[in-house]
Amino acid sequence: LAFGLLWKRGRLRSREAATAALVTLAGAGAVRAVNGLVAAKLWVGDPR
């Protein structure tokens, strides 16, 4: 949201805002992937 607001107010250029958003989304996706791997390896099974 901050990247979008800074772009809308002209403080970030389109390329800068888009690059930051893509880097952030890629990082967030990597976090989801690693967390999924850890969960699959260490918390497999039905605790009930």
All heavy atoms as atom14 arrays in JSON, in Angstrom:
{
  "sequence": "LAFGLLWKRGRLRSREAATAALVTLAGAGAVRAVNGLVAAKLWVGDPR",
  "atom14_mask": [
    [1, 1, 1, 1, 1, 1, 1, 1, 0, 0, 0, 0, 0, 0],
    [1, 1, 1, 1, 1, 0, 0, 0, 0, 0, 0, 0, 0, 0],
    [1, 1, 1, 1, 1, 1, 1, 1, 1, 1, 1, 0, 0, 0],
    [1, 1, 1, 1, 0, 0, 0, 0, 0, 0, 0, 0, 0, 0],
    [1, 1, 1, 1, 1, 1, 1, 1, 0, 0, 0, 0, 0, 0],
    [1, 1, 1, 1, 1, 1, 1, 1, 0, 0, 0, 0, 0, 0],
    [1, 1, 1, 1, 1, 1, 1, 1, 1, 1, 1, 1, 1, 1],
    [1, 1, 1, 1, 1, 1, 1, 1, 1, 0, 0, 0, 0, 0],
    [1, 1, 1, 1, 1, 1, 1, 1, 1, 1, 1, 0, 0, 0],
    [1, 1, 1, 1, 0, 0, 0, 0, 0, 0, 0, 0, 0, 0],
    [1, 1, 1, 1, 1, 1, 1, 1, 1, 1, 1, 0, 0, 0],
    [1, 1, 1, 1, 1, 1, 1, 1, 0, 0, 0, 0, 0, 0],
    [1, 1, 1, 1, 1, 1, 1, 1, 1, 1, 1, 0, 0, 0],
    [1, 1, 1, 1, 1, 1, 0, 0, 0, 0, 0, 0, 0, 0],
    [1, 1, 1, 1, 1, 1, 1, 1, 1, 1, 1, 0, 0, 0],
    [1, 1, 1, 1, 1, 1, 1, 1, 1, 0, 0, 0, 0, 0],
    [1, 1, 1, 1, 1, 0, 0, 0, 0, 0, 0, 0, 0, 0],
    [1, 1, 1, 1, 1, 0, 0, 0, 0, 0, 0, 0, 0, 0],
    [1, 1, 1, 1, 1, 1, 1, 0, 0, 0, 0, 0, 0, 0],
    [1, 1, 1, 1, 1, 0, 0, 0, 0, 0, 0, 0, 0, 0],
    [1, 1, 1, 1, 1, 0, 0, 0, 0, 0, 0, 0, 0, 0],
    [1, 1, 1, 1, 1, 1, 1, 1, 0, 0, 0, 0, 0, 0],
    [1, 1, 1, 1, 1, 1, 1, 0, 0, 0, 0, 0, 0, 0],
    [1, 1, 1, 1, 1, 1, 1, 0, 0, 0, 0, 0, 0, 0],
    [1, 1, 1, 1, 1, 1, 1, 1, 0, 0, 0, 0, 0, 0],
    [1, 1, 1, 1, 1, 0, 0, 0, 0, 0, 0, 0, 0, 0],
    [1, 1, 1, 1, 0, 0, 0, 0, 0, 0, 0, 0, 0, 0],
    [1, 1, 1, 1, 1, 0, 0, 0, 0, 0, 0, 0, 0, 0],
    [1, 1, 1, 1, 0, 0, 0, 0, 0, 0, 0, 0, 0, 0],
    [1, 1, 1, 1, 1, 0, 0, 0, 0, 0, 0, 0, 0, 0],
    [1, 1, 1, 1, 1, 1, 1, 0, 0, 0, 0, 0, 0, 0],
    [1, 1, 1, 1, 1, 1, 1, 1, 1, 1, 1, 0, 0, 0],
    [1, 1, 1, 1, 1, 0, 0, 0, 0, 0, 0, 0, 0, 0],
    [1, 1, 1, 1, 1, 1, 1, 0, 0, 0, 0, 0, 0, 0],
    [1, 1, 1, 1, 1, 1, 1, 1, 0, 0, 0, 0, 0, 0],
    [1, 1, 1, 1, 0, 0, 0, 0, 0, 0, 0, 0, 0, 0],
    [1, 1, 1, 1, 1, 1, 1, 1, 0, 0, 0, 0, 0, 0],
    [1, 1, 1, 1, 1, 1, 1, 0, 0, 0, 0, 0, 0, 0],
    [1, 1, 1, 1, 1, 0, 0, 0, 0, 0, 0, 0, 0, 0],
    [1, 1, 1, 1, 1, 0, 0, 0, 0, 0, 0, 0, 0, 0],
    [1, 1, 1, 1, 1, 1, 1, 1, 1, 0, 0, 0, 0, 0],
    [1, 1, 1, 1, 1, 1, 1, 1, 0, 0, 0, 0, 0, 0],
    [1, 1, 1, 1, 1, 1, 1, 1, 1, 1, 1, 1, 1, 1],
    [1, 1, 1, 1, 1, 1, 1, 0, 0, 0, 0, 0, 0, 0],
    [1, 1, 1, 1, 0, 0, 0, 0, 0, 0, 0, 0, 0, 0],
    [1, 1, 1, 1, 1, 1, 1, 1, 0, 0, 0, 0, 0, 0],
    [1, 1, 1, 1, 1, 1, 1, 0, 0, 0, 0, 0, 0, 0],
    [1, 1, 1, 1, 1, 1, 1, 1, 1, 1, 1, 0, 0, 0]
  ],
  "atom14_positions": [
    [[0.83, -1.2, 0.0], [0.0, 0.0, 0.0], [0.86, 1.25, 0.0], [0.56, 2.23, -0.71], [-0.92, -0.01, 1.23], [-1.82, 1.21, 1.41], [-2.77, 1.35, 0.23], [-2.61, 1.09, 2.71], [0.0, 0.0, 0.0], [0.0, 0.0, 0.0], [0.0, 0.0, 0.0], [0.0, 0.0, 0.0], [0.0, 0.0, 0.0], [0.0, 0.0, 0.0]],
    [[1.95, 1.23, 0.76], [2.85, 2.39, 0.81], [3.48, 2.67, -0.55], [3.58, 3.82, -0.97], [3.95, 2.15, 1.85], [0.0, 0.0, 0.0], [0.0, 0.0, 0.0], [0.0, 0.0, 0.0], [0.0, 0.0, 0.0], [0.0, 0.0, 0.0], [0.0, 0.0, 0.0], [0.0, 0.0, 0.0], [0.0, 0.0, 0.0], [0.0, 0.0, 0.0]],
    [[3.88, 1.6, -1.25], [4.46, 1.79, -2.59], [3.43, 2.45, -3.52], [3.77, 3.35, -4.3], [4.91, 0.46, -3.18], [5.93, -0.26, -2.35], [5.98, -1.66, -2.34], [6.85, 0.43, -1.58], [6.92, -2.33, -1.58], [7.8, -0.24, -0.81], [7.81, -1.62, -0.81], [0.0, 0.0, 0.0], [0.0, 0.0, 0.0], [0.0, 0.0, 0.0]],
    [[2.17, 2.0, -3.42], [1.13, 2.56, -4.26], [0.88, 4.02, -3.95], [0.72, 4.85, -4.87], [0.0, 0.0, 0.0], [0.0, 0.0, 0.0], [0.0, 0.0, 0.0], [0.0, 0.0, 0.0], [0.0, 0.0, 0.0], [0.0, 0.0, 0.0], [0.0, 0.0, 0.0], [0.0, 0.0, 0.0], [0.0, 0.0, 0.0], [0.0, 0.0, 0.0]],
    [[0.86, 4.38, -2.68], [0.61, 5.77, -2.29], [1.76, 6.67, -2.7], [1.55, 7.8, -3.18], [0.37, 5.85, -0.78], [-0.95, 5.27, -0.28], [-1.0, 5.32, 1.25], [-2.14, 6.03, -0.86], [0.0, 0.0, 0.0], [0.0, 0.0, 0.0], [0.0, 0.0, 0.0], [0.0, 0.0, 0.0], [0.0, 0.0, 0.0], [0.0, 0.0, 0.0]],
    [[3.0, 6.19, -2.52], [4.15, 7.0, -2.91], [4.2, 7.19, -4.43], [4.6, 8.25, -4.91], [5.44, 6.34, -2.42], [5.69, 6.41, -0.9], [6.88, 5.56, -0.52], [5.9, 7.85, -0.45], [0.0, 0.0, 0.0], [0.0, 0.0, 0.0], [0.0, 0.0, 0.0], [0.0, 0.0, 0.0], [0.0, 0.0, 0.0], [0.0, 0.0, 0.0]],
    [[3.78, 6.17, -5.16], [3.71, 6.31, -6.62], [2.62, 7.3, -7.02], [2.84, 8.17, -7.87], [3.44, 4.94, -7.25], [3.03, 5.04, -8.69], [3.84, 5.28, -9.77], [1.7, 4.93, -9.2], [3.1, 5.33, -10.93], [1.78, 5.12, -10.61], [0.45, 4.69, -8.62], [0.65, 5.06, -11.42], [-0.67, 4.63, -9.43], [-0.56, 4.82, -10.81]],
    [[1.46, 7.2, -6.38], [0.35, 8.08, -6.72], [0.68, 9.54, -6.43], [0.24, 10.45, -7.16], [-0.9, 7.66, -5.93], [-2.15, 8.42, -6.33], [-3.37, 7.88, -5.6], [-4.63, 8.63, -6.04], [-5.84, 8.12, -5.34], [0.0, 0.0, 0.0], [0.0, 0.0, 0.0], [0.0, 0.0, 0.0], [0.0, 0.0, 0.0], [0.0, 0.0, 0.0]],
    [[1.47, 9.77, -5.4], [1.85, 11.14, -5.05], [3.09, 11.62, -5.8], [3.59, 12.72, -5.54], [2.08, 11.25, -3.55], [0.81, 11.02, -2.73], [1.03, 11.26, -1.26], [-0.21, 11.11, -0.51], [-0.32, 11.35, 0.79], [0.75, 11.75, 1.48], [-1.47, 11.18, 1.4], [0.0, 0.0, 0.0], [0.0, 0.0, 0.0], [0.0, 0.0, 0.0]],
    [[3.6, 10.78, -6.68], [4.74, 11.18, -7.5], [6.08, 11.1, -6.81], [7.08, 11.62, -7.33], [0.0, 0.0, 0.0], [0.0, 0.0, 0.0], [0.0, 0.0, 0.0], [0.0, 0.0, 0.0], [0.0, 0.0, 0.0], [0.0, 0.0, 0.0], [0.0, 0.0, 0.0], [0.0, 0.0, 0.0], [0.0, 0.0, 0.0], [0.0, 0.0, 0.0]],
    [[6.15, 10.44, -5.67], [7.42, 10.34, -4.96], [8.21, 9.1, -5.37], [9.41, 9.03, -5.13], [7.17, 10.34, -3.45], [6.41, 11.58, -2.96], [6.52, 11.73, -1.47], [7.9, 11.99, -1.07], [8.34, 11.83, 0.17], [7.53, 11.38, 1.12], [9.61, 12.08, 0.47], [0.0, 0.0, 0.0], [0.0, 0.0, 0.0], [0.0, 0.0, 0.0]],
    [[7.54, 8.13, -5.95], [8.19, 6.96, -6.54], [7.78, 6.87, -8.0], [6.6, 7.0, -8.32], [7.78, 5.66, -5.82], [8.54, 5.23, -4.57], [7.95, 3.93, -4.04], [10.02, 5.07, -4.83], [0.0, 0.0, 0.0], [0.0, 0.0, 0.0], [0.0, 0.0, 0.0], [0.0, 0.0, 0.0], [0.0, 0.0, 0.0], [0.0, 0.0, 0.0]],
    [[8.75, 6.63, -8.86], [8.41, 6.44, -10.26], [7.76, 5.07, -10.46], [7.89, 4.18, -9.61], [9.68, 6.55, -11.13], [10.21, 7.98, -11.21], [11.48, 8.06, -12.01], [12.58, 7.38, -11.33], [13.84, 7.37, -11.78], [14.14, 7.98, -12.91], [14.78, 6.74, -11.1], [0.0, 0.0, 0.0], [0.0, 0.0, 0.0], [0.0, 0.0, 0.0]],
    [[7.07, 4.92, -11.56], [6.33, 3.68, -11.82], [7.25, 2.47, -11.75], [6.91, 1.44, -11.14], [5.65, 3.74, -13.18], [4.71, 4.79, -13.22], [0.0, 0.0, 0.0], [0.0, 0.0, 0.0], [0.0, 0.0, 0.0], [0.0, 0.0, 0.0], [0.0, 0.0, 0.0], [0.0, 0.0, 0.0], [0.0, 0.0, 0.0], [0.0, 0.0, 0.0]],
    [[8.41, 2.57, -12.38], [9.34, 1.44, -12.38], [9.84, 1.12, -10.98], [9.97, -0.05, -10.61], [10.52, 1.73, -13.3], [11.53, 0.6, -13.41], [12.63, 0.91, -14.4], [12.09, 1.06, -15.74], [12.85, 1.34, -16.8], [14.16, 1.5, -16.66], [12.3, 1.46, -17.99], [0.0, 0.0, 0.0], [0.0, 0.0, 0.0], [0.0, 0.0, 0.0]],
    [[10.11, 2.15, -10.19], [10.6, 1.94, -8.82], [9.53, 1.26, -7.96], [9.82, 0.3, -7.22], [11.0, 3.26, -8.21], [12.22, 3.91, -8.86], [12.48, 5.31, -8.37], [11.52, 5.98, -7.91], [13.65, 5.74, -8.44], [0.0, 0.0, 0.0], [0.0, 0.0, 0.0], [0.0, 0.0, 0.0], [0.0, 0.0, 0.0], [0.0, 0.0, 0.0]],
    [[8.29, 1.76, -8.04], [7.21, 1.18, -7.26], [6.94, -0.26, -7.68], [6.72, -1.14, -6.84], [5.94, 2.03, -7.4], [0.0, 0.0, 0.0], [0.0, 0.0, 0.0], [0.0, 0.0, 0.0], [0.0, 0.0, 0.0], [0.0, 0.0, 0.0], [0.0, 0.0, 0.0], [0.0, 0.0, 0.0], [0.0, 0.0, 0.0], [0.0, 0.0, 0.0]],
    [[6.95, -0.51, -9.0], [6.68, -1.86, -9.5], [7.79, -2.82, -9.08], [7.53, -3.97, -8.69], [6.55, -1.84, -11.02], [0.0, 0.0, 0.0], [0.0, 0.0, 0.0], [0.0, 0.0, 0.0], [0.0, 0.0, 0.0], [0.0, 0.0, 0.0], [0.0, 0.0, 0.0], [0.0, 0.0, 0.0], [0.0, 0.0, 0.0], [0.0, 0.0, 0.0]],
    [[9.04, -2.37, -9.15], [10.16, -3.22, -8.74], [10.06, -3.58, -7.27], [10.23, -4.75, -6.89], [11.5, -2.49, -9.01], [11.63, -2.24, -10.4], [12.68, -3.34, -8.54], [0.0, 0.0, 0.0], [0.0, 0.0, 0.0], [0.0, 0.0, 0.0], [0.0, 0.0, 0.0], [0.0, 0.0, 0.0], [0.0, 0.0, 0.0], [0.0, 0.0, 0.0]],
    [[9.78, -2.59, -6.42], [9.67, -2.85, -4.99], [8.52, -3.8, -4.69], [8.65, -4.71, -3.85], [9.48, -1.54, -4.24], [0.0, 0.0, 0.0], [0.0, 0.0, 0.0], [0.0, 0.0, 0.0], [0.0, 0.0, 0.0], [0.0, 0.0, 0.0], [0.0, 0.0, 0.0], [0.0, 0.0, 0.0], [0.0, 0.0, 0.0], [0.0, 0.0, 0.0]],
    [[7.4, -3.62, -5.38], [6.24, -4.49, -5.17], [6.55, -5.93, -5.6], [6.21, -6.88, -4.89], [5.03, -3.96, -5.94], [0.0, 0.0, 0.0], [0.0, 0.0, 0.0], [0.0, 0.0, 0.0], [0.0, 0.0, 0.0], [0.0, 0.0, 0.0], [0.0, 0.0, 0.0], [0.0, 0.0, 0.0], [0.0, 0.0, 0.0], [0.0, 0.0, 0.0]],
    [[7.22, -6.08, -6.74], [7.56, -7.42, -7.21], [8.55, -8.11, -6.28], [8.41, -9.31, -5.98], [8.13, -7.34, -8.63], [7.12, -7.02, -9.74], [7.83, -6.82, -11.07], [6.07, -8.14, -9.85], [0.0, 0.0, 0.0], [0.0, 0.0, 0.0], [0.0, 0.0, 0.0], [0.0, 0.0, 0.0], [0.0, 0.0, 0.0], [0.0, 0.0, 0.0]],
    [[9.55, -7.37, -5.81], [10.52, -7.94, -4.88], [9.82, -8.37, -3.59], [10.08, -9.46, -3.04], [11.64, -6.92, -4.58], [12.49, -7.37, -3.4], [12.52, -6.74, -5.82], [0.0, 0.0, 0.0], [0.0, 0.0, 0.0], [0.0, 0.0, 0.0], [0.0, 0.0, 0.0], [0.0, 0.0, 0.0], [0.0, 0.0, 0.0], [0.0, 0.0, 0.0]],
    [[8.93, -7.53, -3.1], [8.21, -7.84, -1.87], [7.31, -9.06, -2.04], [7.28, -9.96, -1.19], [7.37, -6.63, -1.42], [8.24, -5.5, -1.24], [6.64, -6.92, -0.12], [0.0, 0.0, 0.0], [0.0, 0.0, 0.0], [0.0, 0.0, 0.0], [0.0, 0.0, 0.0], [0.0, 0.0, 0.0], [0.0, 0.0, 0.0], [0.0, 0.0, 0.0]],
    [[6.58, -9.12, -3.15], [5.7, -10.26, -3.39], [6.5, -11.54, -3.58], [6.09, -12.61, -3.1], [4.84, -9.99, -4.62], [3.73, -8.95, -4.45], [3.09, -8.62, -5.79], [2.68, -9.45, -3.46], [0.0, 0.0, 0.0], [0.0, 0.0, 0.0], [0.0, 0.0, 0.0], [0.0, 0.0, 0.0], [0.0, 0.0, 0.0], [0.0, 0.0, 0.0]],
    [[7.64, -11.46, -4.27], [8.48, -12.65, -4.44], [9.0, -13.13, -3.1], [9.03, -14.35, -2.83], [9.65, -12.33, -5.38], [0.0, 0.0, 0.0], [0.0, 0.0, 0.0], [0.0, 0.0, 0.0], [0.0, 0.0, 0.0], [0.0, 0.0, 0.0], [0.0, 0.0, 0.0], [0.0, 0.0, 0.0], [0.0, 0.0, 0.0], [0.0, 0.0, 0.0]],
    [[9.42, -12.19, -2.25], [9.88, -12.57, -0.92], [8.79, -13.21, -0.09], [9.01, -14.22, 0.59], [0.0, 0.0, 0.0], [0.0, 0.0, 0.0], [0.0, 0.0, 0.0], [0.0, 0.0, 0.0], [0.0, 0.0, 0.0], [0.0, 0.0, 0.0], [0.0, 0.0, 0.0], [0.0, 0.0, 0.0], [0.0, 0.0, 0.0], [0.0, 0.0, 0.0]],
    [[7.59, -12.63, -0.16], [6.46, -13.19, 0.59], [6.12, -14.59, 0.1], [5.79, -15.49, 0.89], [5.25, -12.28, 0.48], [0.0, 0.0, 0.0], [0.0, 0.0, 0.0], [0.0, 0.0, 0.0], [0.0, 0.0, 0.0], [0.0, 0.0, 0.0], [0.0, 0.0, 0.0], [0.0, 0.0, 0.0], [0.0, 0.0, 0.0], [0.0, 0.0, 0.0]],
    [[6.21, -14.81, -1.22], [5.96, -16.13, -1.77], [7.0, -17.13, -1.3], [6.67, -18.29, -1.0], [0.0, 0.0, 0.0], [0.0, 0.0, 0.0], [0.0, 0.0, 0.0], [0.0, 0.0, 0.0], [0.0, 0.0, 0.0], [0.0, 0.0, 0.0], [0.0, 0.0, 0.0], [0.0, 0.0, 0.0], [0.0, 0.0, 0.0], [0.0, 0.0, 0.0]],
    [[8.26, -16.71, -1.23], [9.32, -17.6, -0.74], [9.09, -17.97, 0.73], [9.32, -19.12, 1.13], [10.68, -16.93, -0.91], [0.0, 0.0, 0.0], [0.0, 0.0, 0.0], [0.0, 0.0, 0.0], [0.0, 0.0, 0.0], [0.0, 0.0, 0.0], [0.0, 0.0, 0.0], [0.0, 0.0, 0.0], [0.0, 0.0, 0.0], [0.0, 0.0, 0.0]],
    [[8.62, -17.01, 1.51], [8.33, -17.29, 2.92], [7.23, -18.35, 3.03], [7.33, -19.29, 3.82], [7.91, -16.0, 3.65], [7.32, -16.31, 5.03], [9.11, -15.07, 3.79], [0.0, 0.0, 0.0], [0.0, 0.0, 0.0], [0.0, 0.0, 0.0], [0.0, 0.0, 0.0], [0.0, 0.0, 0.0], [0.0, 0.0, 0.0], [0.0, 0.0, 0.0]],
    [[6.18, -18.2, 2.22], [5.09, -19.2, 2.25], [5.62, -20.58, 1.87], [5.24, -21.59, 2.47], [3.99, -18.79, 1.25], [3.39, -17.42, 1.45], [2.17, -17.46, 2.36], [2.5, -17.39, 3.76], [2.93, -16.29, 4.37], [3.11, -15.18, 3.72], [3.19, -16.31, 5.65], [0.0, 0.0, 0.0], [0.0, 0.0, 0.0], [0.0, 0.0, 0.0]],
    [[6.52, -20.64, 0.88], [7.03, -21.92, 0.41], [7.87, -22.6, 1.48], [7.72, -23.81, 1.74], [7.85, -21.73, -0.86], [0.0, 0.0, 0.0], [0.0, 0.0, 0.0], [0.0, 0.0, 0.0], [0.0, 0.0, 0.0], [0.0, 0.0, 0.0], [0.0, 0.0, 0.0], [0.0, 0.0, 0.0], [0.0, 0.0, 0.0], [0.0, 0.0, 0.0]],
    [[8.76, -21.85, 2.13], [9.61, -22.44, 3.16], [8.79, -22.87, 4.36], [9.0, -23.94, 4.94], [10.72, -21.46, 3.58], [11.54, -22.03, 4.73], [11.63, -21.15, 2.4], [0.0, 0.0, 0.0], [0.0, 0.0, 0.0], [0.0, 0.0, 0.0], [0.0, 0.0, 0.0], [0.0, 0.0, 0.0], [0.0, 0.0, 0.0], [0.0, 0.0, 0.0]],
    [[7.82, -22.04, 4.75], [6.95, -22.43, 5.87], [6.18, -23.7, 5.55], [5.99, -24.56, 6.41], [5.96, -21.3, 6.18], [6.6, -20.17, 6.97], [7.54, -20.38, 7.72], [6.08, -18.98, 6.8], [0.0, 0.0, 0.0], [0.0, 0.0, 0.0], [0.0, 0.0, 0.0], [0.0, 0.0, 0.0], [0.0, 0.0, 0.0], [0.0, 0.0, 0.0]],
    [[5.73, -23.83, 4.3], [5.03, -25.04, 3.89], [5.92, -26.27, 3.97], [5.49, -27.34, 4.39], [0.0, 0.0, 0.0], [0.0, 0.0, 0.0], [0.0, 0.0, 0.0], [0.0, 0.0, 0.0], [0.0, 0.0, 0.0], [0.0, 0.0, 0.0], [0.0, 0.0, 0.0], [0.0, 0.0, 0.0], [0.0, 0.0, 0.0], [0.0, 0.0, 0.0]],
    [[7.19, -26.11, 3.56], [8.13, -27.23, 3.62], [8.37, -27.66, 5.06], [8.36, -28.86, 5.37], [9.46, -26.82, 2.97], [10.61, -27.81, 3.08], [10.27, -29.11, 2.35], [11.9, -27.21, 2.53], [0.0, 0.0, 0.0], [0.0, 0.0, 0.0], [0.0, 0.0, 0.0], [0.0, 0.0, 0.0], [0.0, 0.0, 0.0], [0.0, 0.0, 0.0]],
    [[8.59, -26.68, 5.94], [8.82, -27.0, 7.35], [7.61, -27.7, 7.95], [7.74, -28.7, 8.67], [9.15, -25.72, 8.15], [9.17, -25.99, 9.65], [10.5, -25.15, 7.7], [0.0, 0.0, 0.0], [0.0, 0.0, 0.0], [0.0, 0.0, 0.0], [0.0, 0.0, 0.0], [0.0, 0.0, 0.0], [0.0, 0.0, 0.0], [0.0, 0.0, 0.0]],
    [[6.42, -27.19, 7.65], [5.2, -27.81, 8.18], [5.04, -29.23, 7.67], [4.66, -30.14, 8.42], [3.99, -26.96, 7.8], [0.0, 0.0, 0.0], [0.0, 0.0, 0.0], [0.0, 0.0, 0.0], [0.0, 0.0, 0.0], [0.0, 0.0, 0.0], [0.0, 0.0, 0.0], [0.0, 0.0, 0.0], [0.0, 0.0, 0.0], [0.0, 0.0, 0.0]],
    [[5.36, -29.46, 6.39], [5.2, -30.79, 5.82], [6.18, -31.78, 6.44], [5.86, -32.96, 6.61], [5.4, -30.72, 4.31], [0.0, 0.0, 0.0], [0.0, 0.0, 0.0], [0.0, 0.0, 0.0], [0.0, 0.0, 0.0], [0.0, 0.0, 0.0], [0.0, 0.0, 0.0], [0.0, 0.0, 0.0], [0.0, 0.0, 0.0], [0.0, 0.0, 0.0]],
    [[7.38, -31.31, 6.78], [8.4, -32.21, 7.32], [8.24, -32.47, 8.81], [8.55, -33.56, 9.29], [9.79, -31.63, 7.05], [10.19, -31.6, 5.58], [10.35, -33.0, 5.04], [10.85, -32.97, 3.59], [11.04, -34.33, 3.04], [0.0, 0.0, 0.0], [0.0, 0.0, 0.0], [0.0, 0.0, 0.0], [0.0, 0.0, 0.0], [0.0, 0.0, 0.0]],
    [[7.78, -31.48, 9.55], [7.78, -31.59, 11.01], [6.4, -31.73, 11.64], [6.29, -32.13, 12.79], [8.47, -30.36, 11.63], [9.93, -30.13, 11.22], [10.5, -28.93, 11.96], [10.76, -31.36, 11.5], [0.0, 0.0, 0.0], [0.0, 0.0, 0.0], [0.0, 0.0, 0.0], [0.0, 0.0, 0.0], [0.0, 0.0, 0.0], [0.0, 0.0, 0.0]],
    [[5.35, -31.38, 10.89], [4.02, -31.45, 11.47], [3.08, -32.31, 10.62], [1.89, -32.08, 10.56], [3.42, -30.06, 11.62], [3.84, -29.37, 12.89], [3.25, -29.44, 14.1], [4.96, -28.51, 13.06], [3.91, -28.68, 15.03], [4.98, -28.1, 14.41], [5.98, -28.05, 12.2], [5.95, -27.25, 14.92], [6.94, -27.21, 12.71], [6.93, -26.81, 14.05]],
    [[3.61, -33.3, 9.95], [2.79, -34.17, 9.12], [1.92, -35.04, 10.01], [2.36, -35.56, 11.03], [3.66, -35.06, 8.21], [2.79, -36.02, 7.43], [4.46, -34.2, 7.26], [0.0, 0.0, 0.0], [0.0, 0.0, 0.0], [0.0, 0.0, 0.0], [0.0, 0.0, 0.0], [0.0, 0.0, 0.0], [0.0, 0.0, 0.0], [0.0, 0.0, 0.0]],
    [[0.68, -35.22, 9.6], [-0.19, -36.14, 10.34], [-1.31, -35.43, 11.05], [-1.34, -34.22, 11.2], [0.0, 0.0, 0.0], [0.0, 0.0, 0.0], [0.0, 0.0, 0.0], [0.0, 0.0, 0.0], [0.0, 0.0, 0.0], [0.0, 0.0, 0.0], [0.0, 0.0, 0.0], [0.0, 0.0, 0.0], [0.0, 0.0, 0.0], [0.0, 0.0, 0.0]],
    [[-2.27, -36.2, 11.5], [-3.42, -35.69, 12.22], [-3.17, -35.81, 13.71], [-3.05, -36.91, 14.23], [-4.67, -36.5, 11.84], [-5.94, -35.93, 12.45], [-5.83, -35.05, 13.33], [-7.03, -36.37, 12.05], [0.0, 0.0, 0.0], [0.0, 0.0, 0.0], [0.0, 0.0, 0.0], [0.0, 0.0, 0.0], [0.0, 0.0, 0.0], [0.0, 0.0, 0.0]],
    [[-3.05, -34.7, 14.45], [-2.75, -34.77, 15.87], [-3.81, -35.49, 16.68], [-3.56, -35.98, 17.76], [-2.63, -33.29, 16.29], [-3.43, -32.56, 15.28], [-3.26, -33.32, 14.0], [0.0, 0.0, 0.0], [0.0, 0.0, 0.0], [0.0, 0.0, 0.0], [0.0, 0.0, 0.0], [0.0, 0.0, 0.0], [0.0, 0.0, 0.0], [0.0, 0.0, 0.0]],
    [[-5.03, -35.61, 16.14], [-6.09, -36.29, 16.89], [-5.83, -37.77, 17.02], [-6.41, -38.46, 17.85], [-7.43, -36.04, 16.21], [-7.9, -34.58, 16.32], [-9.12, -34.34, 15.47], [-8.83, -34.5, 14.05], [-9.73, -34.33, 13.09], [-10.96, -33.99, 13.4], [-9.39, -34.5, 11.82], [0.0, 0.0, 0.0], [0.0, 0.0, 0.0], [0.0, 0.0, 0.0]]
  ]
}
